[in-house]
Amino acid sequence: PLFVVQLLASLREEGYLHLRLSPCRWTWDLEQIIDLKISDNVLELLMKEMEKLSPELQSGLKVASCLGSYVKKSTLDIMSNDVGVDLREVLYEVSRKGFMDDVGDRFR
């Protein structure tokens, strides 16, 4: 599901998918999408999407990746003081972009 979500989000952001309101439906130009030569490699797609993130969000992902498969928000608060960046807010934004899940007291 992550690959499909990221792929569709990427196509929408790049203007290949459009939401029409009347009637309410998605539209696209299949020929243009085929010409994109989109990789079916999940890692390649995610790396391409991560490169589009701001340097601050990329740094937040790097910090989170060093902490394991999940990170407690209380840990982020402690680390934020040391690095001078609100890591909790950074990871909220990263989760809104679909790269992590915001689950109760932690991100994963």
PDB file of N, CA and C in Angstrom:
ATOM      1  N   PRO A   1       0.801  -1.206   0.000  1.00  0.00           N
ATOM      2  CA  PRO A   1       0.000   0.000   0.000  1.00  0.00           C
ATOM      3  C   PRO A   1       0.847   1.276   0.000  1.00  0.00           C
ATOM      4  N   LEU A   2       2.003   1.267   0.667  1.00  0.00           N
ATOM      5  CA  LEU A   2       2.834   2.468   0.715  1.00  0.00           C
ATOM      6  C   LEU A   2       3.271   2.872  -0.690  1.00  0.00           C
ATOM      7  N   PHE A   3       3.671   1.911  -1.499  1.00  0.00           N
ATOM      8  CA  PHE A   3       4.107   2.210  -2.857  1.00  0.00           C
ATOM      9  C   PHE A   3       2.984   2.859  -3.650  1.00  0.00           C
ATOM     10  N   VAL A   4       1.784   2.297  -3.561  1.00  0.00           N
ATOM     11  CA  VAL A   4       0.648   2.825  -4.319  1.00  0.00           C
ATOM     12  C   VAL A   4       0.303   4.233  -3.845  1.00  0.00           C
ATOM     13  N   VAL A   5       0.286   4.439  -2.546  1.00  0.00           N
ATOM     14  CA  VAL A   5      -0.034   5.762  -1.995  1.00  0.00           C
ATOM     15  C   VAL A   5       0.995   6.788  -2.456  1.00  0.00           C
ATOM     16  N   GLN A   6       2.290   6.454  -2.353  1.00  0.00           N
ATOM     17  CA  GLN A   6       3.332   7.383  -2.760  1.00  0.00           C
ATOM     18  C   GLN A   6       3.291   7.633  -4.265  1.00  0.00           C
ATOM     19  N   LEU A   7       3.038   6.597  -5.040  1.00  0.00           N
ATOM     20  CA  LEU A   7       2.960   6.746  -6.489  1.00  0.00           C
ATOM     21  C   LEU A   7       1.815   7.677  -6.886  1.00  0.00           C
ATOM     22  N   LEU A   8       0.633   7.438  -6.325  1.00  0.00           N
ATOM     23  CA  LEU A   8      -0.513   8.284  -6.648  1.00  0.00           C
ATOM     24  C   LEU A   8      -0.305   9.724  -6.185  1.00  0.00           C
ATOM     25  N   ALA A   9       0.275   9.895  -5.009  1.00  0.00           N
ATOM     26  CA  ALA A   9       0.545  11.245  -4.506  1.00  0.00           C
ATOM     27  C   ALA A   9       1.538  11.957  -5.429  1.00  0.00           C
ATOM     28  N   SER A  10       2.542  11.236  -5.872  1.00  0.00           N
ATOM     29  CA  SER A  10       3.529  11.818  -6.772  1.00  0.00           C
ATOM     30  C   SER A  10       2.894  12.217  -8.105  1.00  0.00           C
ATOM     31  N   LEU A  11       2.071  11.364  -8.657  1.00  0.00           N
ATOM     32  CA  LEU A  11       1.401  11.678  -9.925  1.00  0.00           C
ATOM     33  C   LEU A  11       0.490  12.891  -9.784  1.00  0.00           C
ATOM     34  N   ARG A  12      -0.194  12.994  -8.637  1.00  0.00           N
ATOM     35  CA  ARG A  12      -1.073  14.140  -8.405  1.00  0.00           C
ATOM     36  C   ARG A  12      -0.259  15.423  -8.258  1.00  0.00           C
ATOM     37  N   GLU A  13       0.814  15.373  -7.478  1.00  0.00           N
ATOM     38  CA  GLU A  13       1.644  16.559  -7.256  1.00  0.00           C
ATOM     39  C   GLU A  13       2.296  17.040  -8.548  1.00  0.00           C
ATOM     40  N   GLU A  14       2.627  16.117  -9.430  1.00  0.00           N
ATOM     41  CA  GLU A  14       3.289  16.488 -10.679  1.00  0.00           C
ATOM     42  C   GLU A  14       2.288  16.830 -11.785  1.00  0.00           C
ATOM     43  N   GLY A  15       0.994  16.798 -11.462  1.00  0.00           N
ATOM     44  CA  GLY A  15      -0.017  17.244 -12.402  1.00  0.00           C
ATOM     45  C   GLY A  15      -0.526  16.198 -13.382  1.00  0.00           C
ATOM     46  N   TYR A  16      -0.277  14.925 -13.086  1.00  0.00           N
ATOM     47  CA  TYR A  16      -0.744  13.864 -13.986  1.00  0.00           C
ATOM     48  C   TYR A  16      -2.097  13.293 -13.581  1.00  0.00           C
ATOM     49  N   LEU A  17      -2.509  13.514 -12.350  1.00  0.00           N
ATOM     50  CA  LEU A  17      -3.834  13.124 -11.862  1.00  0.00           C
ATOM     51  C   LEU A  17      -4.562  14.387 -11.433  1.00  0.00           C
ATOM     52  N   HIS A  18      -5.832  14.472 -11.778  1.00  0.00           N
ATOM     53  CA  HIS A  18      -6.614  15.660 -11.444  1.00  0.00           C
ATOM     54  C   HIS A  18      -7.948  15.227 -10.837  1.00  0.00           C
ATOM     55  N   LEU A  19      -8.349  15.903  -9.769  1.00  0.00           N
ATOM     56  CA  LEU A  19      -9.659  15.664  -9.180  1.00  0.00           C
ATOM     57  C   LEU A  19     -10.626  16.677  -9.755  1.00  0.00           C
ATOM     58  N   ARG A  20     -11.620  16.196 -10.453  1.00  0.00           N
ATOM     59  CA  ARG A  20     -12.673  17.047 -11.004  1.00  0.00           C
ATOM     60  C   ARG A  20     -13.839  17.029 -10.022  1.00  0.00           C
ATOM     61  N   LEU A  21     -14.436  18.179  -9.810  1.00  0.00           N
ATOM     62  CA  LEU A  21     -15.509  18.275  -8.816  1.00  0.00           C
ATOM     63  C   LEU A  21     -16.895  18.077  -9.411  1.00  0.00           C
ATOM     64  N   SER A  22     -17.038  18.317 -10.703  1.00  0.00           N
ATOM     65  CA  SER A  22     -18.368  18.168 -11.296  1.00  0.00           C
ATOM     66  C   SER A  22     -18.262  17.474 -12.645  1.00  0.00           C
ATOM     67  N   PRO A  23     -18.593  16.217 -12.727  1.00  0.00           N
ATOM     68  CA  PRO A  23     -18.914  15.311 -11.630  1.00  0.00           C
ATOM     69  C   PRO A  23     -17.647  14.946 -10.863  1.00  0.00           C
ATOM     70  N   CYS A  24     -17.807  14.546  -9.631  1.00  0.00           N
ATOM     71  CA  CYS A  24     -16.680  14.237  -8.764  1.00  0.00           C
ATOM     72  C   CYS A  24     -16.014  12.938  -9.226  1.00  0.00           C
ATOM     73  N   ARG A  25     -14.784  13.089  -9.760  1.00  0.00           N
ATOM     74  CA  ARG A  25     -14.039  11.914 -10.221  1.00  0.00           C
ATOM     75  C   ARG A  25     -12.596  12.315 -10.496  1.00  0.00           C
ATOM     76  N   TRP A  26     -11.736  11.299 -10.561  1.00  0.00           N
ATOM     77  CA  TRP A  26     -10.339  11.501 -10.905  1.00  0.00           C
ATOM     78  C   TRP A  26     -10.183  11.358 -12.409  1.00  0.00           C
ATOM     79  N   THR A  27      -9.341  12.193 -13.009  1.00  0.00           N
ATOM     80  CA  THR A  27      -9.042  12.093 -14.432  1.00  0.00           C
ATOM     81  C   THR A  27      -7.530  12.066 -14.624  1.00  0.00           C
ATOM     82  N   TRP A  28      -7.088  11.493 -15.744  1.00  0.00           N
ATOM     83  CA  TRP A  28      -5.671  11.396 -16.047  1.00  0.00           C
ATOM     84  C   TRP A  28      -5.488  11.144 -17.533  1.00  0.00           C
ATOM     85  N   ASP A  29      -4.278  11.373 -17.990  1.00  0.00           N
ATOM     86  CA  ASP A  29      -3.906  11.092 -19.370  1.00  0.00           C
ATOM     87  C   ASP A  29      -2.957   9.900 -19.316  1.00  0.00           C
ATOM     88  N   LEU A  30      -3.467   8.739 -19.638  1.00  0.00           N
ATOM     89  CA  LEU A  30      -2.705   7.504 -19.518  1.00  0.00           C
ATOM     90  C   LEU A  30      -1.444   7.530 -20.379  1.00  0.00           C
ATOM     91  N   GLU A  31      -1.520   8.114 -21.561  1.00  0.00           N
ATOM     92  CA  GLU A  31      -0.340   8.165 -22.443  1.00  0.00           C
ATOM     93  C   GLU A  31       0.802   8.944 -21.783  1.00  0.00           C
ATOM     94  N   GLN A  32       0.481  10.074 -21.144  1.00  0.00           N
ATOM     95  CA  GLN A  32       1.516  10.856 -20.460  1.00  0.00           C
ATOM     96  C   GLN A  32       2.124  10.056 -19.313  1.00  0.00           C
ATOM     97  N   ILE A  33       1.305   9.346 -18.571  1.00  0.00           N
ATOM     98  CA  ILE A  33       1.783   8.572 -17.434  1.00  0.00           C
ATOM     99  C   ILE A  33       2.673   7.427 -17.916  1.00  0.00           C
ATOM    100  N   ILE A  34       2.286   6.755 -18.990  1.00  0.00           N
ATOM    101  CA  ILE A  34       3.100   5.672 -19.539  1.00  0.00           C
ATOM    102  C   ILE A  34       4.460   6.205 -19.977  1.00  0.00           C
ATOM    103  N   ASP A  35       4.487   7.389 -20.559  1.00  0.00           N
ATOM    104  CA  ASP A  35       5.739   7.985 -21.029  1.00  0.00           C
ATOM    105  C   ASP A  35       6.693   8.345 -19.891  1.00  0.00           C
ATOM    106  N   LEU A  36       6.208   8.392 -18.651  1.00  0.00           N
ATOM    107  CA  LEU A  36       7.052   8.756 -17.510  1.00  0.00           C
ATOM    108  C   LEU A  36       8.082   7.692 -17.178  1.00  0.00           C
ATOM    109  N   LYS A  37       7.855   6.467 -17.590  1.00  0.00           N
ATOM    110  CA  LYS A  37       8.764   5.354 -17.272  1.00  0.00           C
ATOM    111  C   LYS A  37       8.969   5.248 -15.755  1.00  0.00           C
ATOM    112  N   ILE A  38       7.889   5.135 -15.032  1.00  0.00           N
ATOM    113  CA  ILE A  38       7.907   5.072 -13.577  1.00  0.00           C
ATOM    114  C   ILE A  38       8.480   3.735 -13.125  1.00  0.00           C
ATOM    115  N   SER A  39       9.364   3.803 -12.173  1.00  0.00           N
ATOM    116  CA  SER A  39       9.974   2.592 -11.637  1.00  0.00           C
ATOM    117  C   SER A  39       8.955   1.819 -10.808  1.00  0.00           C
ATOM    118  N   ASP A  40       9.043   0.499 -10.862  1.00  0.00           N
ATOM    119  CA  ASP A  40       8.198  -0.315  -9.994  1.00  0.00           C
ATOM    120  C   ASP A  40       8.977  -0.713  -8.737  1.00  0.00           C
ATOM    121  N   ASN A  41      10.129  -0.094  -8.546  1.00  0.00           N
ATOM    122  CA  ASN A  41      10.965  -0.333  -7.390  1.00  0.00           C
ATOM    123  C   ASN A  41      10.541   0.623  -6.276  1.00  0.00           C
ATOM    124  N   VAL A  42      10.030   0.084  -5.197  1.00  0.00           N
ATOM    125  CA  VAL A  42       9.525   0.894  -4.086  1.00  0.00           C
ATOM    126  C   VAL A  42      10.624   1.786  -3.516  1.00  0.00           C
ATOM    127  N   LEU A  43      11.786   1.227  -3.311  1.00  0.00           N
ATOM    128  CA  LEU A  43      12.885   1.990  -2.723  1.00  0.00           C
ATOM    129  C   LEU A  43      13.271   3.174  -3.604  1.00  0.00           C
ATOM    130  N   GLU A  44      13.351   2.940  -4.901  1.00  0.00           N
ATOM    131  CA  GLU A  44      13.704   4.012  -5.832  1.00  0.00           C
ATOM    132  C   GLU A  44      12.666   5.134  -5.792  1.00  0.00           C
ATOM    133  N   LEU A  45      11.385   4.777  -5.774  1.00  0.00           N
ATOM    134  CA  LEU A  45      10.326   5.786  -5.710  1.00  0.00           C
ATOM    135  C   LEU A  45      10.397   6.567  -4.406  1.00  0.00           C
ATOM    136  N   LEU A  46      10.572   5.879  -3.284  1.00  0.00           N
ATOM    137  CA  LEU A  46      10.641   6.562  -1.993  1.00  0.00           C
ATOM    138  C   LEU A  46      11.845   7.489  -1.915  1.00  0.00           C
ATOM    139  N   MET A  47      12.974   7.045  -2.424  1.00  0.00           N
ATOM    140  CA  MET A  47      14.162   7.899  -2.402  1.00  0.00           C
ATOM    141  C   MET A  47      13.937   9.153  -3.237  1.00  0.00           C
ATOM    142  N   LYS A  48      13.294   9.006  -4.380  1.00  0.00           N
ATOM    143  CA  LYS A  48      13.003  10.164  -5.231  1.00  0.00           C
ATOM    144  C   LYS A  48      12.084  11.140  -4.495  1.00  0.00           C
ATOM    145  N   GLU A  49      11.080  10.603  -3.815  1.00  0.00           N
ATOM    146  CA  GLU A  49      10.151  11.460  -3.079  1.00  0.00           C
ATOM    147  C   GLU A  49      10.829  12.116  -1.877  1.00  0.00           C
ATOM    148  N   MET A  50      11.718  11.384  -1.205  1.00  0.00           N
ATOM    149  CA  MET A  50      12.415  11.950  -0.048  1.00  0.00           C
ATOM    150  C   MET A  50      13.340  13.084  -0.462  1.00  0.00           C
ATOM    151  N   GLU A  51      13.903  13.003  -1.663  1.00  0.00           N
ATOM    152  CA  GLU A  51      14.781  14.067  -2.148  1.00  0.00           C
ATOM    153  C   GLU A  51      14.024  15.382  -2.322  1.00  0.00           C
ATOM    154  N   LYS A  52      12.706  15.302  -2.464  1.00  0.00           N
ATOM    155  CA  LYS A  52      11.891  16.503  -2.627  1.00  0.00           C
ATOM    156  C   LYS A  52      11.600  17.190  -1.287  1.00  0.00           C
ATOM    157  N   LEU A  53      11.861  16.497  -0.182  1.00  0.00           N
ATOM    158  CA  LEU A  53      11.603  17.073   1.139  1.00  0.00           C
ATOM    159  C   LEU A  53      12.606  18.182   1.442  1.00  0.00           C
ATOM    160  N   SER A  54      12.184  19.105   2.281  1.00  0.00           N
ATOM    161  CA  SER A  54      13.089  20.177   2.698  1.00  0.00           C
ATOM    162  C   SER A  54      14.266  19.570   3.471  1.00  0.00           C
ATOM    163  N   PRO A  55      15.389  20.278   3.518  1.00  0.00           N
ATOM    164  CA  PRO A  55      16.543  19.772   4.288  1.00  0.00           C
ATOM    165  C   PRO A  55      16.192  19.469   5.747  1.00  0.00           C
ATOM    166  N   GLU A  56      15.321  20.285   6.346  1.00  0.00           N
ATOM    167  CA  GLU A  56      14.932  20.050   7.743  1.00  0.00           C
ATOM    168  C   GLU A  56      14.187  18.719   7.889  1.00  0.00           C
ATOM    169  N   LEU A  57      13.262  18.428   6.957  1.00  0.00           N
ATOM    170  CA  LEU A  57      12.527  17.164   7.021  1.00  0.00           C
ATOM    171  C   LEU A  57      13.446  15.988   6.733  1.00  0.00           C
ATOM    172  N   GLN A  58      14.375  16.150   5.811  1.00  0.00           N
ATOM    173  CA  GLN A  58      15.330  15.077   5.537  1.00  0.00           C
ATOM    174  C   GLN A  58      16.175  14.791   6.777  1.00  0.00           C
ATOM    175  N   SER A  59      16.587  15.834   7.469  1.00  0.00           N
ATOM    176  CA  SER A  59      17.367  15.652   8.698  1.00  0.00           C
ATOM    177  C   SER A  59      16.549  14.928   9.761  1.00  0.00           C
ATOM    178  N   GLY A  60      15.285  15.288   9.883  1.00  0.00           N
ATOM    179  CA  GLY A  60      14.408  14.619  10.842  1.00  0.00           C
ATOM    180  C   GLY A  60      14.279  13.138  10.542  1.00  0.00           C
ATOM    181  N   LEU A  61      14.153  12.789   9.269  1.00  0.00           N
ATOM    182  CA  LEU A  61      14.092  11.373   8.887  1.00  0.00           C
ATOM    183  C   LEU A  61      15.394  10.651   9.223  1.00  0.00           C
ATOM    184  N   LYS A  62      16.512  11.318   9.008  1.00  0.00           N
ATOM    185  CA  LYS A  62      17.811  10.712   9.316  1.00  0.00           C
ATOM    186  C   LYS A  62      17.922  10.424  10.812  1.00  0.00           C
ATOM    187  N   VAL A  63      17.519  11.390  11.624  1.00  0.00           N
ATOM    188  CA  VAL A  63      17.566  11.194  13.078  1.00  0.00           C
ATOM    189  C   VAL A  63      16.663  10.029  13.467  1.00  0.00           C
ATOM    190  N   ALA A  64      15.440  10.016  12.952  1.00  0.00           N
ATOM    191  CA  ALA A  64      14.493   8.951  13.284  1.00  0.00           C
ATOM    192  C   ALA A  64      15.016   7.584  12.855  1.00  0.00           C
ATOM    193  N   SER A  65      15.659   7.530  11.693  1.00  0.00           N
ATOM    194  CA  SER A  65      16.148   6.239  11.205  1.00  0.00           C
ATOM    195  C   SER A  65      17.257   5.685  12.100  1.00  0.00           C
ATOM    196  N   CYS A  66      17.977   6.548  12.773  1.00  0.00           N
ATOM    197  CA  CYS A  66      19.033   6.097  13.683  1.00  0.00           C
ATOM    198  C   CYS A  66      18.472   5.527  14.980  1.00  0.00           C
ATOM    199  N   LEU A  67      17.206   5.794  15.261  1.00  0.00           N
ATOM    200  CA  LEU A  67      16.614   5.384  16.538  1.00  0.00           C
ATOM    201  C   LEU A  67      15.859   4.064  16.453  1.00  0.00           C
ATOM    202  N   GLY A  68      15.763   3.475  15.277  1.00  0.00           N
ATOM    203  CA  GLY A  68      15.100   2.182  15.144  1.00  0.00           C
ATOM    204  C   GLY A  68      13.786   2.274  14.408  1.00  0.00           C
ATOM    205  N   SER A  69      12.954   1.252  14.583  1.00  0.00           N
ATOM    206  CA  SER A  69      11.704   1.164  13.832  1.00  0.00           C
ATOM    207  C   SER A  69      10.616   2.081  14.384  1.00  0.00           C
ATOM    208  N   TYR A  70      10.812   2.607  15.577  1.00  0.00           N
ATOM    209  CA  TYR A  70       9.897   3.604  16.128  1.00  0.00           C
ATOM    210  C   TYR A  70      10.663   4.517  17.066  1.00  0.00           C
ATOM    211  N   VAL A  71      10.097   5.689  17.309  1.00  0.00           N
ATOM    212  CA  VAL A  71      10.710   6.629  18.234  1.00  0.00           C
ATOM    213  C   VAL A  71       9.613   7.267  19.081  1.00  0.00           C
ATOM    214  N   LYS A  72       9.833   7.272  20.380  1.00  0.00           N
ATOM    215  CA  LYS A  72       8.870   7.886  21.289  1.00  0.00           C
ATOM    216  C   LYS A  72       8.952   9.403  21.185  1.00  0.00           C
ATOM    217  N   LYS A  73       7.809  10.032  21.292  1.00  0.00           N
ATOM    218  CA  LYS A  73       7.769  11.492  21.197  1.00  0.00           C
ATOM    219  C   LYS A  73       8.532  12.140  22.347  1.00  0.00           C
ATOM    220  N   SER A  74       8.516  11.507  23.519  1.00  0.00           N
ATOM    221  CA  SER A  74       9.263  12.056  24.656  1.00  0.00           C
ATOM    222  C   SER A  74      10.766  12.041  24.365  1.00  0.00           C
ATOM    223  N   THR A  75      11.235  11.040  23.649  1.00  0.00           N
ATOM    224  CA  THR A  75      12.649  10.989  23.253  1.00  0.00           C
ATOM    225  C   THR A  75      12.968  12.125  22.284  1.00  0.00           C
ATOM    226  N   LEU A  76      12.050  12.374  21.362  1.00  0.00           N
ATOM    227  CA  LEU A  76      12.248  13.482  20.419  1.00  0.00           C
ATOM    228  C   LEU A  76      12.359  14.819  21.141  1.00  0.00           C
ATOM    229  N   ASP A  77      11.523  14.992  22.170  1.00  0.00           N
ATOM    230  CA  ASP A  77      11.555  16.245  22.923  1.00  0.00           C
ATOM    231  C   ASP A  77      12.915  16.462  23.579  1.00  0.00           C
ATOM    232  N   ILE A  78      13.481  15.400  24.130  1.00  0.00           N
ATOM    233  CA  ILE A  78      14.802  15.495  24.767  1.00  0.00           C
ATOM    234  C   ILE A  78      15.866  15.807  23.722  1.00  0.00           C
ATOM    235  N   MET A  79      15.800  15.116  22.591  1.00  0.00           N
ATOM    236  CA  MET A  79      16.803  15.312  21.533  1.00  0.00           C
ATOM    237  C   MET A  79      16.680  16.678  20.879  1.00  0.00           C
ATOM    238  N   SER A  80      15.476  17.213  20.823  1.00  0.00           N
ATOM    239  CA  SER A  80      15.261  18.524  20.198  1.00  0.00           C
ATOM    240  C   SER A  80      16.090  19.602  20.870  1.00  0.00           C
ATOM    241  N   ASN A  81      16.212  19.508  22.182  1.00  0.00           N
ATOM    242  CA  ASN A  81      17.023  20.489  22.917  1.00  0.00           C
ATOM    243  C   ASN A  81      18.476  20.443  22.462  1.00  0.00           C
ATOM    244  N   ASP A  82      18.979  19.243  22.198  1.00  0.00           N
ATOM    245  CA  ASP A  82      20.384  19.088  21.808  1.00  0.00           C
ATOM    246  C   ASP A  82      20.657  19.528  20.378  1.00  0.00           C
ATOM    247  N   VAL A  83      19.711  19.283  19.471  1.00  0.00           N
ATOM    248  CA  VAL A  83      19.959  19.591  18.053  1.00  0.00           C
ATOM    249  C   VAL A  83      19.405  20.949  17.637  1.00  0.00           C
ATOM    250  N   GLY A  84      18.606  21.586  18.486  1.00  0.00           N
ATOM    251  CA  GLY A  84      18.082  22.906  18.175  1.00  0.00           C
ATOM    252  C   GLY A  84      16.965  22.922  17.150  1.00  0.00           C
ATOM    253  N   VAL A  85      16.314  21.788  16.951  1.00  0.00           N
ATOM    254  CA  VAL A  85      15.204  21.664  16.000  1.00  0.00           C
ATOM    255  C   VAL A  85      14.077  20.934  16.710  1.00  0.00           C
ATOM    256  N   ASP A  86      12.842  21.362  16.486  1.00  0.00           N
ATOM    257  CA  ASP A  86      11.688  20.689  17.070  1.00  0.00           C
ATOM    258  C   ASP A  86      11.427  19.400  16.280  1.00  0.00           C
ATOM    259  N   LEU A  87      12.080  18.322  16.702  1.00  0.00           N
ATOM    260  CA  LEU A  87      11.977  17.049  15.978  1.00  0.00           C
ATOM    261  C   LEU A  87      10.563  16.499  15.963  1.00  0.00           C
ATOM    262  N   ARG A  88       9.811  16.750  17.016  1.00  0.00           N
ATOM    263  CA  ARG A  88       8.431  16.272  17.040  1.00  0.00           C
ATOM    264  C   ARG A  88       7.630  16.924  15.906  1.00  0.00           C
ATOM    265  N   GLU A  89       7.783  18.222  15.740  1.00  0.00           N
ATOM    266  CA  GLU A  89       7.065  18.923  14.668  1.00  0.00           C
ATOM    267  C   GLU A  89       7.557  18.477  13.298  1.00  0.00           C
ATOM    268  N   VAL A  90       8.860  18.272  13.184  1.00  0.00           N
ATOM    269  CA  VAL A  90       9.411  17.793  11.913  1.00  0.00           C
ATOM    270  C   VAL A  90       8.814  16.434  11.552  1.00  0.00           C
ATOM    271  N   LEU A  91       8.741  15.527  12.518  1.00  0.00           N
ATOM    272  CA  LEU A  91       8.203  14.193  12.226  1.00  0.00           C
ATOM    273  C   LEU A  91       6.687  14.209  12.041  1.00  0.00           C
ATOM    274  N   TYR A  92       5.991  15.169  12.632  1.00  0.00           N
ATOM    275  CA  TYR A  92       4.566  15.339  12.310  1.00  0.00           C
ATOM    276  C   TYR A  92       4.421  15.630  10.816  1.00  0.00           C
ATOM    277  N   GLU A  93       5.260  16.541  10.328  1.00  0.00           N
ATOM    278  CA  GLU A  93       5.204  16.893   8.909  1.00  0.00           C
ATOM    279  C   GLU A  93       5.595  15.699   8.040  1.00  0.00           C
ATOM    280  N   VAL A  94       6.618  14.969   8.446  1.00  0.00           N
ATOM    281  CA  VAL A  94       7.039  13.775   7.710  1.00  0.00           C
ATOM    282  C   VAL A  94       5.898  12.757   7.676  1.00  0.00           C
ATOM    283  N   SER A  95       5.188  12.618   8.784  1.00  0.00           N
ATOM    284  CA  SER A  95       4.068  11.662   8.819  1.00  0.00           C
ATOM    285  C   SER A  95       2.912  12.143   7.941  1.00  0.00           C
ATOM    286  N   ARG A  96       2.693  13.459   7.889  1.00  0.00           N
ATOM    287  CA  ARG A  96       1.642  13.991   7.011  1.00  0.00           C
ATOM    288  C   ARG A  96       1.963  13.721   5.543  1.00  0.00           C
ATOM    289  N   LYS A  97       3.238  13.616   5.228  1.00  0.00           N
ATOM    290  CA  LYS A  97       3.646  13.328   3.857  1.00  0.00           C
ATOM    291  C   LYS A  97       3.676  11.820   3.575  1.00  0.00           C
ATOM    292  N   GLY A  98       3.368  11.011   4.591  1.00  0.00           N
ATOM    293  CA  GLY A  98       3.234   9.577   4.376  1.00  0.00           C
ATOM    294  C   GLY A  98       4.485   8.744   4.572  1.00  0.00           C
ATOM    295  N   PHE A  99       5.562   9.328   5.089  1.00  0.00           N
ATOM    296  CA  PHE A  99       6.797   8.579   5.258  1.00  0.00           C
ATOM    297  C   PHE A  99       6.887   7.876   6.605  1.00  0.00           C
ATOM    298  N   MET A 100       6.095   8.301   7.570  1.00  0.00           N
ATOM    299  CA  MET A 100       6.049   7.666   8.894  1.00  0.00           C
ATOM    300  C   MET A 100       4.598   7.670   9.357  1.00  0.00           C
ATOM    301  N   ASP A 101       4.337   6.880  10.384  1.00  0.00           N
ATOM    302  CA  ASP A 101       3.004   6.867  10.997  1.00  0.00           C
ATOM    303  C   ASP A 101       3.084   7.520  12.362  1.00  0.00           C
ATOM    304  N   ASP A 102       2.120   8.383  12.657  1.00  0.00           N
ATOM    305  CA  ASP A 102       1.988   9.016  13.965  1.00  0.00           C
ATOM    306  C   ASP A 102       1.020   8.143  14.758  1.00  0.00           C
ATOM    307  N   VAL A 103       1.563   7.393  15.736  1.00  0.00           N
ATOM    308  CA  VAL A 103       0.768   6.417  16.475  1.00  0.00           C
ATOM    309  C   VAL A 103       0.862   6.702  17.969  1.00  0.00           C
ATOM    310  N   GLY A 104      -0.122   7.414  18.484  1.00  0.00           N
ATOM    311  CA  GLY A 104      -0.152   7.676  19.928  1.00  0.00           C
ATOM    312  C   GLY A 104       1.070   8.424  20.426  1.00  0.00           C
ATOM    313  N   ASP A 105       1.890   7.753  21.251  1.00  0.00           N
ATOM    314  CA  ASP A 105       3.042   8.408  21.862  1.00  0.00           C
ATOM    315  C   ASP A 105       4.335   8.203  21.070  1.00  0.00           C
ATOM    316  N   ARG A 106       4.202   7.740  19.830  1.00  0.00           N
ATOM    317  CA  ARG A 106       5.418   7.468  19.045  1.00  0.00           C
ATOM    318  C   ARG A 106       5.175   7.644  17.549  1.00  0.00           C
ATOM    319  N   PHE A 107       6.267   7.728  16.829  1.00  0.00           N
ATOM    320  CA  PHE A 107       6.240   7.687  15.367  1.00  0.00           C
ATOM    321  C   PHE A 107       6.881   6.365  14.960  1.00  0.00           C
ATOM    322  N   ARG A 108       6.373   5.782  13.908  1.00  0.00           N
ATOM    323  CA  ARG A 108       7.006   4.558  13.390  1.00  0.00           C
ATOM    324  C   ARG A 108       7.055   4.600  11.885  1.00  0.00           C
TER     325      ARG A 108
END
